[in-house]
Amino acid sequence: MKRIIYAPAALASLQDILEWNIWTFGDSQAQKYTDRLANRLRLIADGEPPCPKPCDLLLQGRRDAAGLSYYREGRHYLIYERNRRYAGAGRDIP
């Protein structure tokens, strides 16, 4: 399995998603949903998303979307770039 390096903003978003789901649906459902997101991220890292789409479709041609792909999981969009090195700006999550 390839390593996943999360940008700080991605970690903050995942934390917000977890907290909102705990508040709205309870601990058990929140854990199931965050596990689902984490599993999809692992599949993406392993090259298994069924059809990733280029982010310029999602972000309507913004220049900073170049080279990014996205995949929708549940009610969230997982935006990623393959093989990018964040040089310490992100955090490895096994």
PDB file of N, CA and C in Angstrom:
ATOM      1  N   MET A   1       0.838  -1.171   0.000  1.00  0.00           N
ATOM      2  CA  MET A   1       0.000   0.000   0.000  1.00  0.00           C
ATOM      3  C   MET A   1       0.889   1.243   0.000  1.00  0.00           C
ATOM      4  N   LYS A   2       0.538   2.223  -0.812  1.00  0.00           N
ATOM      5  CA  LYS A   2       1.266   3.479  -0.851  1.00  0.00           C
ATOM      6  C   LYS A   2       0.903   4.320   0.367  1.00  0.00           C
ATOM      7  N   ARG A   3       1.841   5.177   0.745  1.00  0.00           N
ATOM      8  CA  ARG A   3       1.564   6.095   1.848  1.00  0.00           C
ATOM      9  C   ARG A   3       0.627   7.191   1.381  1.00  0.00           C
ATOM     10  N   ILE A   4      -0.196   7.652   2.292  1.00  0.00           N
ATOM     11  CA  ILE A   4      -1.058   8.796   2.028  1.00  0.00           C
ATOM     12  C   ILE A   4      -0.506   9.945   2.854  1.00  0.00           C
ATOM     13  N   ILE A   5      -0.276  11.069   2.208  1.00  0.00           N
ATOM     14  CA  ILE A   5       0.179  12.254   2.920  1.00  0.00           C
ATOM     15  C   ILE A   5      -0.956  13.268   2.870  1.00  0.00           C
ATOM     16  N   TYR A   6      -1.469  13.604   4.039  1.00  0.00           N
ATOM     17  CA  TYR A   6      -2.585  14.534   4.144  1.00  0.00           C
ATOM     18  C   TYR A   6      -2.062  15.957   4.320  1.00  0.00           C
ATOM     19  N   ALA A   7      -2.588  16.875   3.555  1.00  0.00           N
ATOM     20  CA  ALA A   7      -2.307  18.289   3.773  1.00  0.00           C
ATOM     21  C   ALA A   7      -2.979  18.700   5.082  1.00  0.00           C
ATOM     22  N   PRO A   8      -2.450  19.706   5.769  1.00  0.00           N
ATOM     23  CA  PRO A   8      -3.071  20.146   7.024  1.00  0.00           C
ATOM     24  C   PRO A   8      -4.556  20.491   6.869  1.00  0.00           C
ATOM     25  N   ALA A   9      -4.920  21.126   5.763  1.00  0.00           N
ATOM     26  CA  ALA A   9      -6.331  21.469   5.552  1.00  0.00           C
ATOM     27  C   ALA A   9      -7.190  20.218   5.414  1.00  0.00           C
ATOM     28  N   ALA A  10      -6.641  19.163   4.820  1.00  0.00           N
ATOM     29  CA  ALA A  10      -7.387  17.905   4.688  1.00  0.00           C
ATOM     30  C   ALA A  10      -7.625  17.275   6.048  1.00  0.00           C
ATOM     31  N   LEU A  11      -6.607  17.300   6.909  1.00  0.00           N
ATOM     32  CA  LEU A  11      -6.781  16.757   8.263  1.00  0.00           C
ATOM     33  C   LEU A  11      -7.831  17.539   9.032  1.00  0.00           C
ATOM     34  N   ALA A  12      -7.815  18.861   8.882  1.00  0.00           N
ATOM     35  CA  ALA A  12      -8.816  19.688   9.559  1.00  0.00           C
ATOM     36  C   ALA A  12     -10.213  19.369   9.035  1.00  0.00           C
ATOM     37  N   SER A  13     -10.343  19.167   7.733  1.00  0.00           N
ATOM     38  CA  SER A  13     -11.648  18.820   7.153  1.00  0.00           C
ATOM     39  C   SER A  13     -12.138  17.474   7.666  1.00  0.00           C
ATOM     40  N   LEU A  14     -11.250  16.495   7.723  1.00  0.00           N
ATOM     41  CA  LEU A  14     -11.645  15.177   8.238  1.00  0.00           C
ATOM     42  C   LEU A  14     -12.096  15.268   9.690  1.00  0.00           C
ATOM     43  N   GLN A  15     -11.409  16.083  10.481  1.00  0.00           N
ATOM     44  CA  GLN A  15     -11.808  16.271  11.876  1.00  0.00           C
ATOM     45  C   GLN A  15     -13.184  16.926  11.956  1.00  0.00           C
ATOM     46  N   ASP A  16     -13.421  17.942  11.127  1.00  0.00           N
ATOM     47  CA  ASP A  16     -14.729  18.603  11.098  1.00  0.00           C
ATOM     48  C   ASP A  16     -15.831  17.628  10.691  1.00  0.00           C
ATOM     49  N   ILE A  17     -15.554  16.795   9.707  1.00  0.00           N
ATOM     50  CA  ILE A  17     -16.532  15.799   9.255  1.00  0.00           C
ATOM     51  C   ILE A  17     -16.858  14.836  10.389  1.00  0.00           C
ATOM     52  N   LEU A  18     -15.831  14.358  11.075  1.00  0.00           N
ATOM     53  CA  LEU A  18     -16.043  13.439  12.193  1.00  0.00           C
ATOM     54  C   LEU A  18     -16.881  14.095  13.281  1.00  0.00           C
ATOM     55  N   GLU A  19     -16.522  15.309  13.672  1.00  0.00           N
ATOM     56  CA  GLU A  19     -17.252  15.995  14.741  1.00  0.00           C
ATOM     57  C   GLU A  19     -18.704  16.249  14.355  1.00  0.00           C
ATOM     58  N   TRP A  20     -18.941  16.695  13.122  1.00  0.00           N
ATOM     59  CA  TRP A  20     -20.310  16.956  12.681  1.00  0.00           C
ATOM     60  C   TRP A  20     -21.127  15.668  12.688  1.00  0.00           C
ATOM     61  N   ASN A  21     -20.531  14.578  12.207  1.00  0.00           N
ATOM     62  CA  ASN A  21     -21.241  13.301  12.184  1.00  0.00           C
ATOM     63  C   ASN A  21     -21.521  12.777  13.585  1.00  0.00           C
ATOM     64  N   ILE A  22     -20.593  12.971  14.516  1.00  0.00           N
ATOM     65  CA  ILE A  22     -20.853  12.573  15.905  1.00  0.00           C
ATOM     66  C   ILE A  22     -22.042  13.353  16.438  1.00  0.00           C
ATOM     67  N   TRP A  23     -22.027  14.659  16.230  1.00  0.00           N
ATOM     68  CA  TRP A  23     -23.099  15.529  16.730  1.00  0.00           C
ATOM     69  C   TRP A  23     -24.444  15.179  16.088  1.00  0.00           C
ATOM     70  N   THR A  24     -24.430  14.883  14.798  1.00  0.00           N
ATOM     71  CA  THR A  24     -25.670  14.663  14.049  1.00  0.00           C
ATOM     72  C   THR A  24     -26.184  13.232  14.133  1.00  0.00           C
ATOM     73  N   PHE A  25     -25.289  12.245  14.059  1.00  0.00           N
ATOM     74  CA  PHE A  25     -25.710  10.852  13.946  1.00  0.00           C
ATOM     75  C   PHE A  25     -25.241   9.945  15.074  1.00  0.00           C
ATOM     76  N   GLY A  26     -24.333  10.431  15.909  1.00  0.00           N
ATOM     77  CA  GLY A  26     -23.827   9.604  17.002  1.00  0.00           C
ATOM     78  C   GLY A  26     -22.482   8.976  16.667  1.00  0.00           C
ATOM     79  N   ASP A  27     -21.828   8.467  17.712  1.00  0.00           N
ATOM     80  CA  ASP A  27     -20.469   7.933  17.584  1.00  0.00           C
ATOM     81  C   ASP A  27     -20.353   6.795  16.572  1.00  0.00           C
ATOM     82  N   SER A  28     -21.255   5.838  16.644  1.00  0.00           N
ATOM     83  CA  SER A  28     -21.151   4.648  15.798  1.00  0.00           C
ATOM     84  C   SER A  28     -21.245   5.005  14.314  1.00  0.00           C
ATOM     85  N   GLN A  29     -22.251   5.789  13.956  1.00  0.00           N
ATOM     86  CA  GLN A  29     -22.423   6.164  12.554  1.00  0.00           C
ATOM     87  C   GLN A  29     -21.285   7.062  12.079  1.00  0.00           C
ATOM     88  N   ALA A  30     -20.829   7.948  12.948  1.00  0.00           N
ATOM     89  CA  ALA A  30     -19.709   8.827  12.589  1.00  0.00           C
ATOM     90  C   ALA A  30     -18.465   8.004  12.286  1.00  0.00           C
ATOM     91  N   GLN A  31     -18.205   7.007  13.095  1.00  0.00           N
ATOM     92  CA  GLN A  31     -17.025   6.165  12.875  1.00  0.00           C
ATOM     93  C   GLN A  31     -17.151   5.382  11.572  1.00  0.00           C
ATOM     94  N   LYS A  32     -18.355   4.874  11.285  1.00  0.00           N
ATOM     95  CA  LYS A  32     -18.563   4.143  10.031  1.00  0.00           C
ATOM     96  C   LYS A  32     -18.291   5.034   8.824  1.00  0.00           C
ATOM     97  N   TYR A  33     -18.782   6.274   8.886  1.00  0.00           N
ATOM     98  CA  TYR A  33     -18.616   7.175   7.747  1.00  0.00           C
ATOM     99  C   TYR A  33     -17.156   7.584   7.571  1.00  0.00           C
ATOM    100  N   THR A  34     -16.475   7.930   8.656  1.00  0.00           N
ATOM    101  CA  THR A  34     -15.068   8.313   8.526  1.00  0.00           C
ATOM    102  C   THR A  34     -14.215   7.118   8.100  1.00  0.00           C
ATOM    103  N   ASP A  35     -14.571   5.920   8.543  1.00  0.00           N
ATOM    104  CA  ASP A  35     -13.875   4.715   8.066  1.00  0.00           C
ATOM    105  C   ASP A  35     -14.083   4.542   6.562  1.00  0.00           C
ATOM    106  N   ARG A  36     -15.288   4.847   6.101  1.00  0.00           N
ATOM    107  CA  ARG A  36     -15.602   4.750   4.674  1.00  0.00           C
ATOM    108  C   ARG A  36     -14.745   5.732   3.868  1.00  0.00           C
ATOM    109  N   LEU A  37     -14.614   6.966   4.373  1.00  0.00           N
ATOM    110  CA  LEU A  37     -13.765   7.948   3.692  1.00  0.00           C
ATOM    111  C   LEU A  37     -12.303   7.500   3.686  1.00  0.00           C
ATOM    112  N   ALA A  38     -11.820   7.033   4.832  1.00  0.00           N
ATOM    113  CA  ALA A  38     -10.426   6.586   4.940  1.00  0.00           C
ATOM    114  C   ALA A  38     -10.168   5.396   4.018  1.00  0.00           C
ATOM    115  N   ASN A  39     -11.120   4.477   3.930  1.00  0.00           N
ATOM    116  CA  ASN A  39     -10.972   3.323   3.040  1.00  0.00           C
ATOM    117  C   ASN A  39     -10.901   3.771   1.584  1.00  0.00           C
ATOM    118  N   ARG A  40     -11.741   4.715   1.207  1.00  0.00           N
ATOM    119  CA  ARG A  40     -11.715   5.207  -0.172  1.00  0.00           C
ATOM    120  C   ARG A  40     -10.371   5.872  -0.465  1.00  0.00           C
ATOM    121  N   LEU A  41      -9.829   6.619   0.499  1.00  0.00           N
ATOM    122  CA  LEU A  41      -8.521   7.247   0.300  1.00  0.00           C
ATOM    123  C   LEU A  41      -7.436   6.197   0.107  1.00  0.00           C
ATOM    124  N   ARG A  42      -7.514   5.100   0.863  1.00  0.00           N
ATOM    125  CA  ARG A  42      -6.542   4.015   0.683  1.00  0.00           C
ATOM    126  C   ARG A  42      -6.674   3.394  -0.711  1.00  0.00           C
ATOM    127  N   LEU A  43      -7.905   3.199  -1.164  1.00  0.00           N
ATOM    128  CA  LEU A  43      -8.118   2.648  -2.506  1.00  0.00           C
ATOM    129  C   LEU A  43      -7.574   3.586  -3.578  1.00  0.00           C
ATOM    130  N   ILE A  44      -7.785   4.888  -3.395  1.00  0.00           N
ATOM    131  CA  ILE A  44      -7.245   5.863  -4.342  1.00  0.00           C
ATOM    132  C   ILE A  44      -5.722   5.772  -4.365  1.00  0.00           C
ATOM    133  N   ALA A  45      -5.114   5.700  -3.183  1.00  0.00           N
ATOM    134  CA  ALA A  45      -3.647   5.604  -3.100  1.00  0.00           C
ATOM    135  C   ALA A  45      -3.137   4.355  -3.812  1.00  0.00           C
ATOM    136  N   ASP A  46      -3.919   3.288  -3.764  1.00  0.00           N
ATOM    137  CA  ASP A  46      -3.534   2.039  -4.420  1.00  0.00           C
ATOM    138  C   ASP A  46      -3.925   2.007  -5.896  1.00  0.00           C
ATOM    139  N   GLY A  47      -4.502   3.115  -6.394  1.00  0.00           N
ATOM    140  CA  GLY A  47      -4.848   3.210  -7.806  1.00  0.00           C
ATOM    141  C   GLY A  47      -6.152   2.554  -8.178  1.00  0.00           C
ATOM    142  N   GLU A  48      -7.089   2.455  -7.240  1.00  0.00           N
ATOM    143  CA  GLU A  48      -8.317   1.730  -7.510  1.00  0.00           C
ATOM    144  C   GLU A  48      -9.600   2.551  -7.597  1.00  0.00           C
ATOM    145  N   PRO A  49      -9.577   3.873  -7.740  1.00  0.00           N
ATOM    146  CA  PRO A  49     -10.876   4.528  -7.879  1.00  0.00           C
ATOM    147  C   PRO A  49     -11.487   4.159  -9.225  1.00  0.00           C
ATOM    148  N   PRO A  50     -12.778   3.912  -9.278  1.00  0.00           N
ATOM    149  CA  PRO A  50     -13.375   3.473 -10.533  1.00  0.00           C
ATOM    150  C   PRO A  50     -13.261   4.506 -11.650  1.00  0.00           C
ATOM    151  N   CYS A  51     -13.520   5.752 -11.400  1.00  0.00           N
ATOM    152  CA  CYS A  51     -13.366   6.782 -12.429  1.00  0.00           C
ATOM    153  C   CYS A  51     -13.095   8.131 -11.789  1.00  0.00           C
ATOM    154  N   PRO A  52     -11.838   8.409 -11.467  1.00  0.00           N
ATOM    155  CA  PRO A  52     -11.543   9.743 -10.948  1.00  0.00           C
ATOM    156  C   PRO A  52     -11.775  10.767 -12.052  1.00  0.00           C
ATOM    157  N   LYS A  53     -12.158  11.953 -11.656  1.00  0.00           N
ATOM    158  CA  LYS A  53     -12.424  13.011 -12.626  1.00  0.00           C
ATOM    159  C   LYS A  53     -11.430  14.147 -12.408  1.00  0.00           C
ATOM    160  N   PRO A  54     -11.057  14.850 -13.470  1.00  0.00           N
ATOM    161  CA  PRO A  54     -10.152  15.981 -13.291  1.00  0.00           C
ATOM    162  C   PRO A  54     -10.847  17.105 -12.521  1.00  0.00           C
ATOM    163  N   CYS A  55     -10.103  17.743 -11.631  1.00  0.00           N
ATOM    164  CA  CYS A  55     -10.682  18.770 -10.770  1.00  0.00           C
ATOM    165  C   CYS A  55     -11.120  20.019 -11.512  1.00  0.00           C
ATOM    166  N   ASP A  56     -10.601  20.243 -12.718  1.00  0.00           N
ATOM    167  CA  ASP A  56     -11.053  21.440 -13.415  1.00  0.00           C
ATOM    168  C   ASP A  56     -12.543  21.356 -13.727  1.00  0.00           C
ATOM    169  N   LEU A  57     -13.103  20.145 -13.793  1.00  0.00           N
ATOM    170  CA  LEU A  57     -14.553  20.002 -13.936  1.00  0.00           C
ATOM    171  C   LEU A  57     -15.271  20.467 -12.674  1.00  0.00           C
ATOM    172  N   LEU A  58     -14.716  20.135 -11.528  1.00  0.00           N
ATOM    173  CA  LEU A  58     -15.319  20.472 -10.243  1.00  0.00           C
ATOM    174  C   LEU A  58     -15.098  21.938  -9.895  1.00  0.00           C
ATOM    175  N   LEU A  59     -13.916  22.452 -10.190  1.00  0.00           N
ATOM    176  CA  LEU A  59     -13.538  23.806  -9.785  1.00  0.00           C
ATOM    177  C   LEU A  59     -13.629  24.807 -10.930  1.00  0.00           C
ATOM    178  N   GLN A  60     -14.288  24.453 -11.992  1.00  0.00           N
ATOM    179  CA  GLN A  60     -14.602  25.314 -13.125  1.00  0.00           C
ATOM    180  C   GLN A  60     -13.398  26.065 -13.679  1.00  0.00           C
ATOM    181  N   GLY A  61     -12.347  25.303 -14.009  1.00  0.00           N
ATOM    182  CA  GLY A  61     -11.217  25.866 -14.714  1.00  0.00           C
ATOM    183  C   GLY A  61     -10.221  26.671 -13.896  1.00  0.00           C
ATOM    184  N   ARG A  62     -10.303  26.650 -12.583  1.00  0.00           N
ATOM    185  CA  ARG A  62      -9.317  27.385 -11.777  1.00  0.00           C
ATOM    186  C   ARG A  62      -7.928  26.829 -12.043  1.00  0.00           C
ATOM    187  N   ARG A  63      -6.946  27.702 -12.142  1.00  0.00           N
ATOM    188  CA  ARG A  63      -5.581  27.266 -12.441  1.00  0.00           C
ATOM    189  C   ARG A  63      -5.011  26.340 -11.382  1.00  0.00           C
ATOM    190  N   ASP A  64      -5.384  26.543 -10.115  1.00  0.00           N
ATOM    191  CA  ASP A  64      -4.825  25.697  -9.057  1.00  0.00           C
ATOM    192  C   ASP A  64      -5.411  24.292  -9.057  1.00  0.00           C
ATOM    193  N   ALA A  65      -6.345  24.020  -9.953  1.00  0.00           N
ATOM    194  CA  ALA A  65      -6.921  22.679 -10.062  1.00  0.00           C
ATOM    195  C   ALA A  65      -6.122  21.790 -11.016  1.00  0.00           C
ATOM    196  N   ALA A  66      -5.168  22.363 -11.720  1.00  0.00           N
ATOM    197  CA  ALA A  66      -4.387  21.590 -12.693  1.00  0.00           C
ATOM    198  C   ALA A  66      -3.658  20.445 -12.000  1.00  0.00           C
ATOM    199  N   GLY A  67      -3.787  19.256 -12.544  1.00  0.00           N
ATOM    200  CA  GLY A  67      -3.105  18.085 -12.000  1.00  0.00           C
ATOM    201  C   GLY A  67      -3.827  17.409 -10.849  1.00  0.00           C
ATOM    202  N   LEU A  68      -4.938  17.972 -10.414  1.00  0.00           N
ATOM    203  CA  LEU A  68      -5.705  17.375  -9.322  1.00  0.00           C
ATOM    204  C   LEU A  68      -6.847  16.544  -9.883  1.00  0.00           C
ATOM    205  N   SER A  69      -7.214  15.513  -9.155  1.00  0.00           N
ATOM    206  CA  SER A  69      -8.374  14.681  -9.494  1.00  0.00           C
ATOM    207  C   SER A  69      -9.300  14.656  -8.294  1.00  0.00           C
ATOM    208  N   TYR A  70     -10.527  14.246  -8.533  1.00  0.00           N
ATOM    209  CA  TYR A  70     -11.441  14.102  -7.405  1.00  0.00           C
ATOM    210  C   TYR A  70     -12.276  12.850  -7.558  1.00  0.00           C
ATOM    211  N   TYR A  71     -12.776  12.419  -6.445  1.00  0.00           N
ATOM    212  CA  TYR A  71     -13.682  11.284  -6.387  1.00  0.00           C
ATOM    213  C   TYR A  71     -14.720  11.619  -5.336  1.00  0.00           C
ATOM    214  N   ARG A  72     -15.965  11.366  -5.615  1.00  0.00           N
ATOM    215  CA  ARG A  72     -17.018  11.630  -4.642  1.00  0.00           C
ATOM    216  C   ARG A  72     -17.274  10.369  -3.831  1.00  0.00           C
ATOM    217  N   GLU A  73     -17.263  10.533  -2.517  1.00  0.00           N
ATOM    218  CA  GLU A  73     -17.565   9.433  -1.594  1.00  0.00           C
ATOM    219  C   GLU A  73     -18.586   9.961  -0.603  1.00  0.00           C
ATOM    220  N   GLY A  74     -19.748   9.325  -0.577  1.00  0.00           N
ATOM    221  CA  GLY A  74     -20.806   9.825   0.298  1.00  0.00           C
ATOM    222  C   GLY A  74     -21.183  11.231  -0.126  1.00  0.00           C
ATOM    223  N   ARG A  75     -21.188  12.141   0.840  1.00  0.00           N
ATOM    224  CA  ARG A  75     -21.543  13.528   0.546  1.00  0.00           C
ATOM    225  C   ARG A  75     -20.311  14.417   0.406  1.00  0.00           C
ATOM    226  N   HIS A  76     -19.148  13.825   0.254  1.00  0.00           N
ATOM    227  CA  HIS A  76     -17.911  14.596   0.215  1.00  0.00           C
ATOM    228  C   HIS A  76     -17.114  14.315  -1.052  1.00  0.00           C
ATOM    229  N   TYR A  77     -16.323  15.302  -1.422  1.00  0.00           N
ATOM    230  CA  TYR A  77     -15.404  15.168  -2.540  1.00  0.00           C
ATOM    231  C   TYR A  77     -14.004  14.960  -1.986  1.00  0.00           C
ATOM    232  N   LEU A  78     -13.332  13.942  -2.455  1.00  0.00           N
ATOM    233  CA  LEU A  78     -11.950  13.673  -2.080  1.00  0.00           C
ATOM    234  C   LEU A  78     -11.081  14.183  -3.224  1.00  0.00           C
ATOM    235  N   ILE A  79     -10.313  15.214  -2.954  1.00  0.00           N
ATOM    236  CA  ILE A  79      -9.481  15.846  -3.974  1.00  0.00           C
ATOM    237  C   ILE A  79      -8.038  15.456  -3.709  1.00  0.00           C
ATOM    238  N   TYR A  80      -7.350  15.031  -4.752  1.00  0.00           N
ATOM    239  CA  TYR A  80      -5.999  14.528  -4.541  1.00  0.00           C
ATOM    240  C   TYR A  80      -5.120  14.752  -5.760  1.00  0.00           C
ATOM    241  N   GLU A  81      -3.820  14.675  -5.489  1.00  0.00           N
ATOM    242  CA  GLU A  81      -2.815  14.718  -6.541  1.00  0.00           C
ATOM    243  C   GLU A  81      -1.871  13.557  -6.313  1.00  0.00           C
ATOM    244  N   ARG A  82      -1.607  12.794  -7.314  1.00  0.00           N
ATOM    245  CA  ARG A  82      -0.708  11.651  -7.189  1.00  0.00           C
ATOM    246  C   ARG A  82       0.748  12.104  -7.167  1.00  0.00           C
ATOM    247  N   ASN A  83       1.530  11.412  -6.324  1.00  0.00           N
ATOM    248  CA  ASN A  83       2.986  11.575  -6.294  1.00  0.00           C
ATOM    249  C   ASN A  83       3.468  12.970  -5.945  1.00  0.00           C
ATOM    250  N   ARG A  84       2.660  13.760  -5.333  1.00  0.00           N
ATOM    251  CA  ARG A  84       3.121  15.084  -4.912  1.00  0.00           C
ATOM    252  C   ARG A  84       3.856  14.956  -3.587  1.00  0.00           C
ATOM    253  N   ARG A  85       4.943  15.650  -3.458  1.00  0.00           N
ATOM    254  CA  ARG A  85       5.701  15.665  -2.204  1.00  0.00           C
ATOM    255  C   ARG A  85       5.419  16.986  -1.506  1.00  0.00           C
ATOM    256  N   TYR A  86       4.870  16.907  -0.324  1.00  0.00           N
ATOM    257  CA  TYR A  86       4.498  18.117   0.412  1.00  0.00           C
ATOM    258  C   TYR A  86       5.645  18.669   1.246  1.00  0.00           C
ATOM    259  N   ALA A  87       6.778  18.012   1.281  1.00  0.00           N
ATOM    260  CA  ALA A  87       7.978  18.498   1.968  1.00  0.00           C
ATOM    261  C   ALA A  87       7.674  18.976   3.378  1.00  0.00           C
ATOM    262  N   GLY A  88       6.989  18.142   4.131  1.00  0.00           N
ATOM    263  CA  GLY A  88       6.742  18.465   5.528  1.00  0.00           C
ATOM    264  C   GLY A  88       5.460  19.228   5.781  1.00  0.00           C
ATOM    265  N   ALA A  89       4.780  19.672   4.739  1.00  0.00           N
ATOM    266  CA  ALA A  89       3.550  20.432   4.943  1.00  0.00           C
ATOM    267  C   ALA A  89       2.381  19.531   5.291  1.00  0.00           C
ATOM    268  N   GLY A  90       2.509  18.244   5.013  1.00  0.00           N
ATOM    269  CA  GLY A  90       1.437  17.307   5.319  1.00  0.00           C
ATOM    270  C   GLY A  90       1.855  16.360   6.421  1.00  0.00           C
ATOM    271  N   ARG A  91       0.987  15.429   6.717  1.00  0.00           N
ATOM    272  CA  ARG A  91       1.261  14.458   7.768  1.00  0.00           C
ATOM    273  C   ARG A  91       0.924  13.076   7.241  1.00  0.00           C
ATOM    274  N   ASP A  92       1.843  12.136   7.407  1.00  0.00           N
ATOM    275  CA  ASP A  92       1.581  10.757   6.990  1.00  0.00           C
ATOM    276  C   ASP A  92       0.575  10.123   7.930  1.00  0.00           C
ATOM    277  N   ILE A  93      -0.382   9.431   7.369  1.00  0.00           N
ATOM    278  CA  ILE A  93      -1.339   8.655   8.143  1.00  0.00           C
ATOM    279  C   ILE A  93      -1.280   7.235   7.598  1.00  0.00           C
ATOM    280  N   PRO A  94      -0.924   6.247   8.439  1.00  0.00           N
ATOM    281  CA  PRO A  94      -0.830   4.870   7.925  1.00  0.00           C
ATOM    282  C   PRO A  94      -2.187   4.328   7.518  1.00  0.00           C
TER     283      PRO A  94
END
